[in-house]
Amino acid sequence: MTSTAEMIYDELKEHVGRENAIRAEELAEKFGIGERQLRDHIREIRRDSEAESVVASCNSGYYICTKDELLKANERLYSQAFSLLKTANANEKKVGRSGQMKMRLDEMMKGAEA
């Protein structure tokens, strides 16, 4: 993790549970960054398998999940992922019908890694 992401992660450890979420605006201001940069750092924290806690978000902001919240957060992520896969599958079936070109899977995966 970058040093800014580590500092954000340390701050989030003070906000355990949805009811203790910290607003994105407040968190970004605290670290002197924009909200776009904050989202990038949050993504970095979430993808770091060495981090011991899971960061979630809600309308109130970002927080560290409790055990119960973790289960719900993962259910939501799997649901979103499956929904996106269903949409991609439907798109694949439509290729050629409208004259649109088919995008290769390896090209899509390169974009997803960025």
Protein backbone atom coordinates (compact mmCIF):
# COMPACT_ATOMS: atom_id res chain seq x y z
CA MET A 1 0.00 0.00 0.00
CA THR A 2 1.16 3.54 -0.63
CA SER A 3 1.84 5.70 2.41
CA THR A 4 -1.31 7.80 1.85
CA ALA A 5 -3.43 4.65 1.58
CA GLU A 6 -1.87 3.37 4.82
CA MET A 7 -2.72 6.62 6.60
CA ILE A 8 -6.29 6.50 5.29
CA TYR A 9 -6.56 2.87 6.38
CA ASP A 10 -5.30 3.79 9.87
CA GLU A 11 -7.93 6.54 10.08
CA LEU A 12 -10.66 4.14 8.97
CA LYS A 13 -9.73 1.78 11.80
CA GLU A 14 -11.25 4.46 14.07
CA HIS A 15 -14.56 4.08 12.20
CA VAL A 16 -15.70 0.50 12.83
CA GLY A 17 -19.28 -0.30 11.90
CA ARG A 18 -21.67 1.36 9.50
CA GLU A 19 -23.00 3.66 12.21
CA ASN A 20 -19.48 5.14 12.57
CA ALA A 21 -18.86 5.83 8.89
CA ILE A 22 -16.84 8.89 7.93
CA ARG A 23 -18.00 11.01 4.99
CA ALA A 24 -15.82 10.89 1.88
CA GLU A 25 -15.58 14.69 1.82
CA GLU A 26 -14.31 14.74 5.40
CA LEU A 27 -11.81 11.95 4.80
CA ALA A 28 -10.48 13.54 1.60
CA GLU A 29 -10.14 16.92 3.30
CA LYS A 30 -8.31 15.37 6.25
CA PHE A 31 -5.62 14.06 3.88
CA GLY A 32 -5.58 17.03 1.53
CA ILE A 33 -6.70 15.04 -1.49
CA GLY A 34 -9.66 15.09 -3.85
CA GLU A 35 -12.50 12.59 -3.66
CA ARG A 36 -11.32 10.90 -6.87
CA GLN A 37 -7.91 10.30 -5.29
CA LEU A 38 -9.63 9.08 -2.14
CA ARG A 39 -11.61 6.51 -4.15
CA ASP A 40 -8.35 5.34 -5.78
CA HIS A 41 -6.76 4.87 -2.35
CA ILE A 42 -9.85 3.08 -1.03
CA ARG A 43 -9.70 0.71 -4.01
CA GLU A 44 -6.01 0.09 -3.25
CA ILE A 45 -6.82 -0.69 0.39
CA ARG A 46 -9.69 -3.00 -0.58
CA ARG A 47 -7.50 -4.95 -3.00
CA ASP A 48 -4.60 -5.34 -0.56
CA SER A 49 -4.92 -8.91 0.68
CA GLU A 50 -2.49 -8.14 3.51
CA ALA A 51 -4.88 -5.63 5.10
CA GLU A 52 -6.58 -7.26 8.06
CA SER A 53 -9.89 -5.39 7.89
CA VAL A 54 -12.46 -4.85 5.16
CA VAL A 55 -13.42 -1.33 4.12
CA ALA A 56 -17.04 -0.83 3.11
CA SER A 57 -19.09 2.16 2.12
CA CYS A 58 -22.64 3.40 2.44
CA ASN A 59 -24.48 6.68 1.92
CA SER A 60 -22.88 7.95 5.15
CA GLY A 61 -19.30 7.28 4.02
CA TYR A 62 -16.54 4.72 4.54
CA TYR A 63 -16.04 2.40 7.48
CA ILE A 64 -14.40 -0.84 8.64
CA CYS A 65 -16.87 -3.74 8.56
CA THR A 66 -17.94 -5.71 11.57
CA LYS A 67 -18.17 -9.49 10.98
CA ASP A 68 -21.89 -9.30 10.20
CA GLU A 69 -21.39 -6.36 7.86
CA LEU A 70 -18.61 -8.21 6.06
CA LEU A 71 -20.96 -11.00 5.05
CA LYS A 72 -23.49 -8.51 3.68
CA ALA A 73 -20.78 -6.54 1.88
CA ASN A 74 -19.49 -9.66 0.14
CA GLU A 75 -23.01 -10.72 -0.82
CA ARG A 76 -23.50 -7.30 -2.40
CA LEU A 77 -20.19 -7.54 -4.30
CA TYR A 78 -20.98 -11.02 -5.63
CA SER A 79 -24.44 -9.87 -6.66
CA GLN A 80 -22.99 -6.90 -8.55
CA ALA A 81 -20.36 -9.09 -10.19
CA PHE A 82 -22.91 -11.67 -11.34
CA SER A 83 -25.17 -8.93 -12.66
CA LEU A 84 -22.30 -7.48 -14.68
CA LEU A 85 -21.42 -10.94 -16.04
CA LYS A 86 -25.02 -11.48 -17.12
CA THR A 87 -24.96 -8.15 -18.94
CA ALA A 88 -21.63 -8.97 -20.62
CA ASN A 89 -23.00 -12.37 -21.67
CA ALA A 90 -26.08 -10.74 -23.20
CA ASN A 91 -23.85 -8.26 -25.00
CA GLU A 92 -21.77 -11.09 -26.45
CA LYS A 93 -24.93 -12.67 -27.87
CA LYS A 94 -25.82 -9.37 -29.52
CA VAL A 95 -22.47 -8.95 -31.28
CA GLY A 96 -22.89 -8.83 -35.01
CA ARG A 97 -26.62 -8.17 -34.91
CA SER A 98 -26.10 -4.42 -34.91
CA GLY A 99 -22.83 -4.31 -36.84
CA GLN A 100 -20.80 -3.65 -33.69
CA MET A 101 -17.40 -5.29 -33.44
CA LYS A 102 -16.61 -7.95 -30.88
CA MET A 103 -14.13 -6.94 -28.19
CA ARG A 104 -11.59 -9.60 -27.25
CA LEU A 105 -11.62 -10.80 -23.64
CA ASP A 106 -7.87 -10.24 -23.18
CA GLU A 107 -8.30 -6.59 -24.19
CA MET A 108 -11.06 -6.18 -21.61
CA MET A 109 -8.95 -7.80 -18.91
CA LYS A 110 -6.07 -5.38 -19.59
CA GLY A 111 -8.46 -2.51 -19.01
CA ALA A 112 -9.79 -4.07 -15.82
CA GLU A 113 -6.29 -4.37 -14.34
CA ALA A 114 -5.58 -0.67 -14.74
